[in-house]
Amino acid sequence: MIALGCDHGGYNLMVAVKNYLDKNNIAYTDFGTDSEESVDYPVYAYKVAKAVTEGGCELGILCCGTGIGISMAANKVKGVRAAVVNNEFGAEMTRRHNHANILCMGGRVITEEQAVKFTDIFLHTPEEGDRHDKRVDMITAIENGTFEE
């Protein structure tokens, strides 16, 4: 199950992402918003982040105007590794090397076609272990206040 959320700036991207998920029979929960009317992105970032960290959803996708604000809000929830992606390489590496659990994109930065492509890559790229596990564990240690150089 994929958790979805957006604000008004990312609404059109999210519509395209939902169409892709529907076409490919990929289950999701939509946490809103449902229009281009102005809303506060932290509300939707929090809902998606909690759905991912509490286990209700495996991964999340968030969209706002740039992807930046909504990623910053989501990353405040313990256990979230939300990454803003603006190209195909980033969509792949954020999963493969950084084990990101939330993809963030900006409706004023990328096209709907790009959002669909990045979503496909993000959802179908496996996490690599080995040295990357160590680094992700270090990120978790920083988050937990237990990091030692």
N, C-alpha and C. Protein backbone atom coordinates (compact mmCIF):
# COMPACT_ATOMS: atom_id res chain seq x y z
N MET A 1 0.85 -1.19 0.00
CA MET A 1 0.00 0.00 0.00
C MET A 1 0.89 1.24 0.00
N ILE A 2 0.55 2.19 -0.83
CA ILE A 2 1.27 3.44 -0.96
C ILE A 2 0.44 4.56 -0.34
N ALA A 3 1.07 5.40 0.49
CA ALA A 3 0.41 6.57 1.07
C ALA A 3 0.65 7.77 0.16
N LEU A 4 -0.42 8.48 -0.18
CA LEU A 4 -0.32 9.64 -1.06
C LEU A 4 -0.79 10.90 -0.34
N GLY A 5 -0.10 12.01 -0.62
CA GLY A 5 -0.53 13.28 -0.08
C GLY A 5 0.06 14.43 -0.88
N CYS A 6 -0.68 15.52 -0.91
CA CYS A 6 -0.19 16.69 -1.65
C CYS A 6 -0.88 17.94 -1.12
N ASP A 7 -0.28 19.08 -1.47
CA ASP A 7 -0.98 20.34 -1.26
C ASP A 7 -1.44 20.84 -2.63
N HIS A 8 -1.94 22.06 -2.67
CA HIS A 8 -2.45 22.62 -3.91
C HIS A 8 -1.40 22.71 -5.01
N GLY A 9 -0.14 22.97 -4.65
CA GLY A 9 0.93 23.10 -5.63
C GLY A 9 1.32 21.78 -6.28
N GLY A 10 1.01 20.68 -5.61
CA GLY A 10 1.33 19.36 -6.14
C GLY A 10 0.13 18.57 -6.59
N TYR A 11 -1.04 19.19 -6.54
CA TYR A 11 -2.28 18.47 -6.84
C TYR A 11 -2.27 17.83 -8.23
N ASN A 12 -1.89 18.56 -9.25
CA ASN A 12 -1.93 18.00 -10.61
C ASN A 12 -0.94 16.84 -10.78
N LEU A 13 0.22 16.92 -10.13
CA LEU A 13 1.14 15.79 -10.17
C LEU A 13 0.50 14.57 -9.52
N MET A 14 -0.17 14.79 -8.40
CA MET A 14 -0.78 13.67 -7.67
C MET A 14 -1.89 13.02 -8.49
N VAL A 15 -2.65 13.80 -9.21
CA VAL A 15 -3.68 13.23 -10.09
C VAL A 15 -3.02 12.30 -11.11
N ALA A 16 -1.91 12.73 -11.70
CA ALA A 16 -1.20 11.90 -12.67
C ALA A 16 -0.65 10.64 -12.01
N VAL A 17 -0.11 10.77 -10.80
CA VAL A 17 0.41 9.61 -10.08
C VAL A 17 -0.71 8.64 -9.76
N LYS A 18 -1.86 9.13 -9.31
CA LYS A 18 -2.99 8.25 -9.00
C LYS A 18 -3.48 7.52 -10.26
N ASN A 19 -3.51 8.21 -11.38
CA ASN A 19 -3.90 7.56 -12.63
C ASN A 19 -2.94 6.42 -12.97
N TYR A 20 -1.65 6.64 -12.78
CA TYR A 20 -0.64 5.60 -13.01
C TYR A 20 -0.86 4.42 -12.06
N LEU A 21 -1.07 4.70 -10.79
CA LEU A 21 -1.28 3.63 -9.81
C LEU A 21 -2.54 2.84 -10.13
N ASP A 22 -3.61 3.53 -10.48
CA ASP A 22 -4.86 2.86 -10.84
C ASP A 22 -4.65 1.95 -12.06
N LYS A 23 -4.00 2.48 -13.08
CA LYS A 23 -3.75 1.73 -14.32
C LYS A 23 -2.93 0.47 -14.05
N ASN A 24 -2.05 0.52 -13.06
CA ASN A 24 -1.16 -0.60 -12.76
C ASN A 24 -1.60 -1.41 -11.54
N ASN A 25 -2.84 -1.17 -11.10
CA ASN A 25 -3.42 -1.91 -9.98
C ASN A 25 -2.52 -1.90 -8.75
N ILE A 26 -1.98 -0.73 -8.43
CA ILE A 26 -1.16 -0.55 -7.24
C ILE A 26 -2.03 0.14 -6.20
N ALA A 27 -2.20 -0.52 -5.06
CA ALA A 27 -3.08 -0.02 -4.01
C ALA A 27 -2.47 1.21 -3.32
N TYR A 28 -3.34 2.15 -2.98
CA TYR A 28 -2.89 3.34 -2.27
C TYR A 28 -3.99 3.88 -1.37
N THR A 29 -3.56 4.68 -0.41
CA THR A 29 -4.47 5.46 0.42
C THR A 29 -4.18 6.92 0.13
N ASP A 30 -5.20 7.67 -0.20
CA ASP A 30 -5.07 9.08 -0.56
C ASP A 30 -5.42 9.93 0.66
N PHE A 31 -4.43 10.65 1.18
CA PHE A 31 -4.63 11.50 2.35
C PHE A 31 -4.94 12.95 1.97
N GLY A 32 -5.10 13.22 0.68
CA GLY A 32 -5.49 14.55 0.22
C GLY A 32 -4.28 15.39 -0.15
N THR A 33 -4.57 16.53 -0.61
CA THR A 33 -5.77 17.30 -0.76
C THR A 33 -6.49 16.89 -2.05
N ASP A 34 -7.66 17.46 -2.28
CA ASP A 34 -8.44 17.03 -3.43
C ASP A 34 -8.79 18.17 -4.39
N SER A 35 -7.96 19.22 -4.36
CA SER A 35 -8.18 20.34 -5.29
C SER A 35 -6.95 21.23 -5.30
N GLU A 36 -7.02 22.27 -6.13
CA GLU A 36 -5.94 23.26 -6.19
C GLU A 36 -6.18 24.43 -5.24
N GLU A 37 -7.17 24.29 -4.37
CA GLU A 37 -7.42 25.33 -3.36
C GLU A 37 -6.31 25.31 -2.32
N SER A 38 -5.83 26.46 -1.93
CA SER A 38 -4.69 26.59 -1.03
C SER A 38 -4.93 25.87 0.31
N VAL A 39 -3.93 25.04 0.67
CA VAL A 39 -3.94 24.30 1.94
C VAL A 39 -2.52 24.32 2.50
N ASP A 40 -2.37 23.85 3.73
CA ASP A 40 -1.08 23.82 4.39
C ASP A 40 -0.43 22.45 4.24
N TYR A 41 0.71 22.42 3.54
CA TYR A 41 1.37 21.15 3.23
C TYR A 41 1.79 20.31 4.44
N PRO A 42 2.14 20.91 5.60
CA PRO A 42 2.55 20.04 6.72
C PRO A 42 1.47 19.05 7.16
N VAL A 43 0.21 19.41 6.98
CA VAL A 43 -0.89 18.52 7.35
C VAL A 43 -0.80 17.20 6.57
N TYR A 44 -0.56 17.31 5.28
CA TYR A 44 -0.53 16.12 4.42
C TYR A 44 0.79 15.37 4.55
N ALA A 45 1.87 16.10 4.77
CA ALA A 45 3.16 15.46 5.01
C ALA A 45 3.07 14.59 6.27
N TYR A 46 2.46 15.11 7.30
CA TYR A 46 2.35 14.39 8.56
C TYR A 46 1.49 13.13 8.41
N LYS A 47 0.37 13.25 7.73
CA LYS A 47 -0.51 12.10 7.54
C LYS A 47 0.20 10.97 6.79
N VAL A 48 0.89 11.31 5.72
CA VAL A 48 1.60 10.30 4.93
C VAL A 48 2.76 9.73 5.74
N ALA A 49 3.52 10.58 6.40
CA ALA A 49 4.66 10.11 7.19
C ALA A 49 4.21 9.14 8.28
N LYS A 50 3.14 9.46 8.96
CA LYS A 50 2.64 8.56 10.01
C LYS A 50 2.14 7.24 9.43
N ALA A 51 1.50 7.29 8.29
CA ALA A 51 1.02 6.05 7.65
C ALA A 51 2.20 5.14 7.30
N VAL A 52 3.31 5.73 6.87
CA VAL A 52 4.49 4.95 6.52
C VAL A 52 5.19 4.43 7.77
N THR A 53 5.39 5.28 8.75
CA THR A 53 6.16 4.86 9.93
C THR A 53 5.38 3.94 10.86
N GLU A 54 4.08 4.03 10.82
CA GLU A 54 3.27 3.16 11.68
C GLU A 54 2.91 1.85 10.99
N GLY A 55 3.36 1.66 9.75
CA GLY A 55 3.19 0.39 9.07
C GLY A 55 1.93 0.21 8.26
N GLY A 56 1.08 1.21 8.22
CA GLY A 56 -0.13 1.10 7.41
C GLY A 56 0.15 1.12 5.93
N CYS A 57 1.24 1.76 5.56
CA CYS A 57 1.66 1.85 4.16
C CYS A 57 3.17 1.59 4.08
N GLU A 58 3.56 0.91 3.01
CA GLU A 58 4.98 0.57 2.84
C GLU A 58 5.82 1.78 2.44
N LEU A 59 5.30 2.57 1.50
CA LEU A 59 6.00 3.74 0.98
C LEU A 59 5.03 4.90 0.85
N GLY A 60 5.58 6.10 0.68
CA GLY A 60 4.74 7.27 0.50
C GLY A 60 5.18 8.11 -0.68
N ILE A 61 4.26 8.90 -1.20
CA ILE A 61 4.54 9.87 -2.25
C ILE A 61 3.87 11.18 -1.85
N LEU A 62 4.66 12.25 -1.84
CA LEU A 62 4.17 13.57 -1.47
C LEU A 62 4.52 14.57 -2.56
N CYS A 63 3.60 15.49 -2.84
CA CYS A 63 3.84 16.53 -3.84
C CYS A 63 3.39 17.88 -3.30
N CYS A 64 4.23 18.88 -3.54
CA CYS A 64 3.85 20.27 -3.27
C CYS A 64 4.41 21.09 -4.42
N GLY A 65 4.56 22.38 -4.27
CA GLY A 65 5.05 23.21 -5.36
C GLY A 65 6.46 22.85 -5.80
N THR A 66 7.36 22.63 -4.82
CA THR A 66 8.74 22.29 -5.13
C THR A 66 9.14 20.90 -4.66
N GLY A 67 8.38 20.32 -3.75
CA GLY A 67 8.75 19.07 -3.10
C GLY A 67 9.58 19.32 -1.84
N ILE A 68 10.09 20.53 -1.70
CA ILE A 68 11.01 20.83 -0.60
C ILE A 68 10.28 20.96 0.73
N GLY A 69 9.28 21.83 0.80
CA GLY A 69 8.59 22.05 2.07
C GLY A 69 7.94 20.79 2.60
N ILE A 70 7.28 20.06 1.72
CA ILE A 70 6.57 18.86 2.15
C ILE A 70 7.57 17.78 2.60
N SER A 71 8.76 17.75 1.98
CA SER A 71 9.79 16.80 2.42
C SER A 71 10.35 17.19 3.79
N MET A 72 10.54 18.48 3.99
CA MET A 72 11.05 18.94 5.28
C MET A 72 10.08 18.58 6.41
N ALA A 73 8.80 18.78 6.17
CA ALA A 73 7.79 18.45 7.18
C ALA A 73 7.76 16.94 7.43
N ALA A 74 7.76 16.15 6.37
CA ALA A 74 7.71 14.69 6.52
C ALA A 74 8.93 14.17 7.27
N ASN A 75 10.09 14.74 7.00
CA ASN A 75 11.32 14.29 7.64
C ASN A 75 11.38 14.58 9.14
N LYS A 76 10.46 15.36 9.64
CA LYS A 76 10.40 15.60 11.09
C LYS A 76 9.78 14.42 11.83
N VAL A 77 9.14 13.52 11.12
CA VAL A 77 8.55 12.33 11.74
C VAL A 77 9.62 11.25 11.82
N LYS A 78 9.85 10.76 13.02
CA LYS A 78 10.88 9.76 13.26
C LYS A 78 10.66 8.54 12.37
N GLY A 79 11.72 8.13 11.68
CA GLY A 79 11.65 6.96 10.82
C GLY A 79 11.44 7.28 9.36
N VAL A 80 11.20 8.53 9.04
CA VAL A 80 10.97 8.93 7.65
C VAL A 80 12.30 9.28 7.00
N ARG A 81 12.44 8.83 5.78
CA ARG A 81 13.54 9.24 4.91
C ARG A 81 12.89 9.71 3.61
N ALA A 82 12.46 10.97 3.62
CA ALA A 82 11.78 11.56 2.46
C ALA A 82 12.80 12.31 1.61
N ALA A 83 12.74 12.09 0.30
CA ALA A 83 13.70 12.70 -0.60
C ALA A 83 13.01 13.40 -1.76
N VAL A 84 13.45 14.61 -2.04
CA VAL A 84 12.97 15.36 -3.20
C VAL A 84 13.72 14.86 -4.43
N VAL A 85 12.96 14.55 -5.47
CA VAL A 85 13.54 14.01 -6.70
C VAL A 85 13.13 14.87 -7.88
N ASN A 86 14.13 15.21 -8.72
CA ASN A 86 13.88 16.02 -9.91
C ASN A 86 14.39 15.36 -11.18
N ASN A 87 14.92 14.11 -11.07
CA ASN A 87 15.38 13.41 -12.26
C ASN A 87 15.34 11.90 -12.01
N GLU A 88 15.49 11.14 -13.08
CA GLU A 88 15.38 9.68 -13.00
C GLU A 88 16.48 9.07 -12.15
N PHE A 89 17.70 9.58 -12.26
CA PHE A 89 18.80 9.05 -11.47
C PHE A 89 18.51 9.20 -9.98
N GLY A 90 18.03 10.36 -9.59
CA GLY A 90 17.68 10.59 -8.19
C GLY A 90 16.58 9.66 -7.71
N ALA A 91 15.59 9.42 -8.56
CA ALA A 91 14.49 8.51 -8.19
C ALA A 91 15.00 7.11 -7.92
N GLU A 92 15.98 6.69 -8.69
CA GLU A 92 16.56 5.36 -8.48
C GLU A 92 17.48 5.33 -7.26
N MET A 93 18.39 6.27 -7.17
CA MET A 93 19.40 6.23 -6.11
C MET A 93 18.82 6.47 -4.72
N THR A 94 17.75 7.26 -4.65
CA THR A 94 17.17 7.51 -3.33
C THR A 94 16.60 6.24 -2.72
N ARG A 95 16.17 5.31 -3.55
CA ARG A 95 15.73 3.99 -3.06
C ARG A 95 16.92 3.05 -2.92
N ARG A 96 17.71 2.95 -3.97
CA ARG A 96 18.79 1.97 -4.02
C ARG A 96 19.83 2.21 -2.92
N HIS A 97 20.27 3.45 -2.76
CA HIS A 97 21.35 3.73 -1.81
C HIS A 97 20.89 4.33 -0.50
N ASN A 98 19.84 5.14 -0.53
CA ASN A 98 19.42 5.86 0.68
C ASN A 98 18.22 5.25 1.38
N HIS A 99 17.62 4.24 0.74
CA HIS A 99 16.46 3.54 1.31
C HIS A 99 15.35 4.51 1.69
N ALA A 100 15.14 5.51 0.85
CA ALA A 100 14.06 6.48 1.10
C ALA A 100 12.73 5.75 1.15
N ASN A 101 11.87 6.20 2.04
CA ASN A 101 10.55 5.59 2.13
C ASN A 101 9.43 6.54 1.68
N ILE A 102 9.79 7.77 1.36
CA ILE A 102 8.82 8.72 0.81
C ILE A 102 9.47 9.50 -0.33
N LEU A 103 8.81 9.48 -1.48
CA LEU A 103 9.23 10.23 -2.66
C LEU A 103 8.51 11.58 -2.64
N CYS A 104 9.27 12.67 -2.83
CA CYS A 104 8.68 14.01 -2.86
C CYS A 104 9.00 14.67 -4.20
N MET A 105 7.99 15.31 -4.76
CA MET A 105 8.13 15.96 -6.07
C MET A 105 7.41 17.30 -6.08
N GLY A 106 7.83 18.17 -6.99
CA GLY A 106 7.27 19.51 -7.06
C GLY A 106 6.52 19.80 -8.34
N GLY A 107 5.28 20.21 -8.20
CA GLY A 107 4.43 20.51 -9.34
C GLY A 107 4.85 21.73 -10.13
N ARG A 108 5.69 22.57 -9.53
CA ARG A 108 6.18 23.75 -10.24
C ARG A 108 7.60 23.53 -10.76
N VAL A 109 8.08 22.28 -10.62
CA VAL A 109 9.45 21.96 -10.99
C VAL A 109 9.52 20.90 -12.08
N ILE A 110 8.65 19.90 -12.01
CA ILE A 110 8.66 18.81 -12.99
C ILE A 110 7.28 18.68 -13.64
N THR A 111 7.24 17.93 -14.73
CA THR A 111 5.98 17.70 -15.44
C THR A 111 5.24 16.50 -14.85
N GLU A 112 3.99 16.36 -15.23
CA GLU A 112 3.21 15.20 -14.80
C GLU A 112 3.81 13.91 -15.35
N GLU A 113 4.32 13.96 -16.57
CA GLU A 113 4.94 12.78 -17.17
C GLU A 113 6.19 12.38 -16.38
N GLN A 114 6.98 13.36 -15.98
CA GLN A 114 8.15 13.06 -15.17
C GLN A 114 7.75 12.47 -13.82
N ALA A 115 6.70 13.01 -13.22
CA ALA A 115 6.24 12.50 -11.92
C ALA A 115 5.86 11.03 -12.02
N VAL A 116 5.19 10.66 -13.09
CA VAL A 116 4.81 9.26 -13.29
C VAL A 116 6.06 8.40 -13.48
N LYS A 117 7.00 8.86 -14.26
CA LYS A 117 8.24 8.11 -14.49
C LYS A 117 9.02 7.94 -13.19
N PHE A 118 9.16 9.02 -12.42
CA PHE A 118 9.90 8.95 -11.16
C PHE A 118 9.19 8.02 -10.17
N THR A 119 7.87 8.05 -10.17
CA THR A 119 7.10 7.16 -9.31
C THR A 119 7.36 5.71 -9.68
N ASP A 120 7.32 5.41 -10.96
CA ASP A 120 7.57 4.04 -11.43
C ASP A 120 8.96 3.57 -10.99
N ILE A 121 9.95 4.40 -11.20
CA ILE A 121 11.31 4.04 -10.81
C ILE A 121 11.40 3.84 -9.30
N PHE A 122 10.87 4.77 -8.54
CA PHE A 122 10.92 4.71 -7.07
C PHE A 122 10.26 3.42 -6.55
N LEU A 123 9.11 3.08 -7.10
CA LEU A 123 8.38 1.91 -6.61
C LEU A 123 9.00 0.59 -7.03
N HIS A 124 9.80 0.60 -8.07
CA HIS A 124 10.34 -0.66 -8.58
C HIS A 124 11.84 -0.82 -8.41
N THR A 125 12.46 0.08 -7.68
CA THR A 125 13.90 -0.03 -7.42
C THR A 125 14.12 -0.66 -6.05
N PRO A 126 14.87 -1.75 -6.00
CA PRO A 126 15.15 -2.39 -4.70
C PRO A 126 16.22 -1.63 -3.92
N GLU A 127 16.19 -1.79 -2.61
CA GLU A 127 17.24 -1.24 -1.76
C GLU A 127 18.47 -2.14 -1.85
N GLU A 128 19.63 -1.52 -1.97
CA GLU A 128 20.88 -2.28 -1.90
C GLU A 128 21.34 -2.30 -0.46
N GLY A 129 21.92 -3.40 -0.05
CA GLY A 129 22.42 -3.54 1.31
C GLY A 129 23.88 -3.14 1.42
N ASP A 130 24.63 -3.96 2.13
CA ASP A 130 26.07 -3.79 2.32
C ASP A 130 26.40 -2.40 2.86
N ARG A 131 27.26 -1.67 2.16
CA ARG A 131 27.72 -0.37 2.65
C ARG A 131 26.59 0.62 2.82
N HIS A 132 25.52 0.45 2.06
CA HIS A 132 24.39 1.37 2.15
C HIS A 132 23.60 1.16 3.45
N ASP A 133 23.47 -0.09 3.88
CA ASP A 133 22.81 -0.36 5.16
C ASP A 133 23.53 0.37 6.29
N LYS A 134 24.85 0.31 6.27
CA LYS A 134 25.65 0.97 7.31
C LYS A 134 25.35 2.46 7.33
N ARG A 135 25.28 3.06 6.17
CA ARG A 135 25.05 4.50 6.09
C ARG A 135 23.64 4.88 6.52
N VAL A 136 22.67 4.08 6.13
CA VAL A 136 21.29 4.33 6.56
C VAL A 136 21.18 4.16 8.07
N ASP A 137 21.89 3.17 8.62
CA ASP A 137 21.92 2.99 10.08
C ASP A 137 22.52 4.21 10.77
N MET A 138 23.52 4.83 10.13
CA MET A 138 24.12 6.04 10.70
C MET A 138 23.11 7.19 10.71
N ILE A 139 22.31 7.30 9.65
CA ILE A 139 21.27 8.32 9.61
C ILE A 139 20.28 8.10 10.75
N THR A 140 19.91 6.85 10.96
CA THR A 140 18.98 6.50 12.05
C THR A 140 19.60 6.85 13.40
N ALA A 141 20.89 6.60 13.56
CA ALA A 141 21.57 6.93 14.82
C ALA A 141 21.56 8.45 15.07
N ILE A 142 21.76 9.23 14.01
CA ILE A 142 21.67 10.68 14.15
C ILE A 142 20.27 11.06 14.63
N GLU A 143 19.26 10.48 13.99
CA GLU A 143 17.87 10.75 14.36
C GLU A 143 17.58 10.39 15.82
N ASN A 144 18.18 9.30 16.28
CA ASN A 144 17.95 8.81 17.64
C ASN A 144 18.85 9.47 18.68
N GLY A 145 19.78 10.32 18.25
CA GLY A 145 20.69 10.95 19.17
C GLY A 145 21.79 10.02 19.69
N THR A 146 22.06 8.94 18.96
CA THR A 146 23.05 7.97 19.41
C THR A 146 24.25 7.89 18.46
N PHE A 147 24.36 8.81 17.54
CA PHE A 147 25.45 8.79 16.55
C PHE A 147 26.77 9.09 17.21
N GLU A 148 27.76 8.28 16.86
CA GLU A 148 29.14 8.53 17.30
C GLU A 148 30.04 8.46 16.09
N GLU A 149 30.91 9.47 15.97
CA GLU A 149 31.84 9.50 14.83
C GLU A 149 32.89 8.42 14.94
